[in-house]
Protein backbone atom coordinates (compact mmCIF):
# COMPACT_ATOMS: atom_id res chain seq x y z
CA UNK A 1 0.00 0.00 0.00
CA UNK A 2 2.83 2.40 0.85
CA UNK A 3 4.44 1.67 -2.51
CA UNK A 4 1.23 2.60 -4.35
CA UNK A 5 0.91 5.87 -2.42
CA UNK A 6 4.58 6.72 -3.03
CA UNK A 7 4.25 5.96 -6.75
CA UNK A 8 1.13 8.14 -6.97
CA UNK A 9 2.90 11.04 -5.25
CA UNK A 10 5.92 10.68 -7.53
CA UNK A 11 3.74 10.75 -10.65
CA UNK A 12 1.78 13.75 -9.36
CA UNK A 13 5.00 15.68 -8.71
CA UNK A 14 6.58 14.82 -12.09
CA UNK A 15 4.75 17.49 -14.17
CA UNK A 16 5.63 20.18 -11.63
CA UNK A 17 9.28 19.15 -11.70
CA UNK A 18 9.31 19.10 -15.49
CA UNK A 19 7.70 22.55 -15.66
CA UNK A 20 10.33 23.89 -13.27
CA UNK A 21 13.21 22.72 -15.47
CA UNK A 22 11.60 24.16 -18.60
CA UNK A 23 12.01 27.71 -17.35
CA UNK A 24 14.80 28.11 -14.81
CA UNK A 25 15.20 31.47 -13.18
CA UNK A 26 17.12 34.02 -15.18
CA UNK A 27 19.85 36.15 -13.65
CA UNK A 28 20.02 38.86 -16.34
CA UNK A 29 18.88 42.28 -15.13
CA UNK A 30 18.40 45.71 -16.65
CA UNK A 31 17.84 46.98 -20.15
CA UNK A 32 20.33 47.33 -22.96
CA UNK A 33 19.95 48.44 -26.60
CA UNK A 34 22.23 46.94 -29.27
CA UNK A 35 22.90 48.91 -32.45
CA UNK A 36 25.21 46.24 -33.90
CA UNK A 37 24.46 42.56 -34.35
CA UNK A 38 28.03 41.80 -33.29
CA UNK A 39 27.24 43.16 -29.81
CA UNK A 40 24.14 41.01 -29.21
CA UNK A 41 24.67 38.39 -26.46
CA UNK A 42 26.43 35.26 -27.65
CA UNK A 43 24.18 32.55 -29.07
CA UNK A 44 21.09 34.75 -29.42
CA UNK A 45 21.30 35.31 -33.17
CA UNK A 46 22.07 31.64 -33.80
CA UNK A 47 18.96 30.66 -31.84
CA UNK A 48 16.86 32.83 -34.14
CA UNK A 49 18.16 30.88 -37.14
CA UNK A 50 17.94 33.69 -39.71
CA UNK A 51 20.99 34.51 -41.84
CA UNK A 52 21.34 38.25 -41.42
CA UNK A 53 23.62 41.01 -42.63
CA UNK A 54 24.99 43.51 -40.13
CA UNK A 55 23.25 46.86 -39.90
CA UNK A 56 24.12 49.06 -42.88
CA UNK A 57 25.58 46.16 -44.90
CA UNK A 58 24.13 44.92 -48.21
CA UNK A 59 21.42 42.25 -48.16
CA UNK A 60 18.99 40.71 -50.66
CA UNK A 61 16.42 43.52 -50.53
CA UNK A 62 14.43 42.35 -53.58
CA UNK A 63 13.50 39.07 -55.22
CA UNK A 64 15.93 39.71 -58.09
CA UNK A 65 19.00 37.50 -57.65
CA UNK A 66 22.11 39.21 -58.97
CA UNK A 67 25.23 37.34 -60.12
CA UNK A 68 28.03 36.99 -57.63
CA UNK A 69 28.04 36.26 -53.95
CA UNK A 70 24.63 35.44 -52.49
CA UNK A 71 23.56 38.00 -49.94
CA UNK A 72 21.63 37.29 -46.73
CA UNK A 73 17.87 37.71 -47.07
CA UNK A 74 17.62 39.81 -43.92
CA UNK A 75 19.45 42.73 -42.28
CA UNK A 76 19.78 43.53 -38.58
CA UNK A 77 18.31 46.86 -37.43
CA UNK A 78 18.55 46.83 -33.61
CA UNK A 79 17.93 44.70 -30.54
CA UNK A 80 16.81 45.40 -27.00
CA UNK A 81 17.50 43.22 -24.00
CA UNK A 82 15.07 43.68 -21.12
CA UNK A 83 15.92 41.25 -18.34
CA UNK A 84 15.90 37.83 -20.00
CA UNK A 85 13.87 38.88 -23.04
CA UNK A 86 15.65 39.96 -26.22
CA UNK A 87 13.63 41.70 -28.94
CA UNK A 88 15.33 41.75 -32.34
CA UNK A 89 14.19 44.13 -35.09
CA UNK A 90 15.27 43.36 -38.64
CA UNK A 91 14.26 43.88 -42.25
CA UNK A 92 13.65 41.07 -44.69
CA UNK A 93 13.95 41.33 -48.46
CA UNK A 94 12.36 39.32 -51.22
CA UNK A 95 9.20 39.85 -53.21
CA UNK A 96 8.01 42.27 -50.50
CA UNK A 97 10.30 44.24 -48.22
CA UNK A 98 9.12 43.82 -44.60
CA UNK A 99 10.17 44.80 -41.10
CA UNK A 100 10.07 41.97 -38.56
CA UNK A 101 10.36 41.68 -34.80
CA UNK A 102 11.48 38.45 -33.17
CA UNK A 103 11.40 37.76 -29.44
CA UNK A 104 13.73 35.29 -27.76
CA UNK A 105 14.33 34.50 -24.09
CA UNK A 106 17.33 33.40 -22.11
CA UNK A 107 16.50 30.09 -20.43
CA UNK A 108 19.15 28.27 -18.50
CA UNK A 109 22.34 28.46 -20.55
CA UNK A 110 20.71 29.04 -23.96
CA UNK A 111 18.24 31.14 -25.93
CA UNK A 112 14.74 30.02 -26.92
CA UNK A 113 12.61 31.62 -29.64
CA UNK A 114 9.31 32.89 -28.20
CA UNK A 115 8.03 34.69 -31.29
CA UNK A 116 9.99 33.99 -34.47
CA UNK A 117 8.90 36.87 -36.69
């Protein structure tokens, strides 16, 4: 009987334990604005998974592919870190030029995309 009660308690506690590891507490504090992609915290841009040119650099602004080196389809504009949340503003080229905002969060030792575009 004790074994059944213990097993039931262990199963009941499992989702709470799993939820706790999904979002460990973050130690980042304050607000910071980044004007250069090179200054964004390490690993954040890789987590987003978008090949991007640095601010002011050439990128594929239209859907016309020119001969030569292929340019990134997006260009960094700015980013803002507020605590553990990083908001990245960038422009994307192609058939329609758009401005996008992605939101990623620092969780544990890595970055997780909250809102991709």
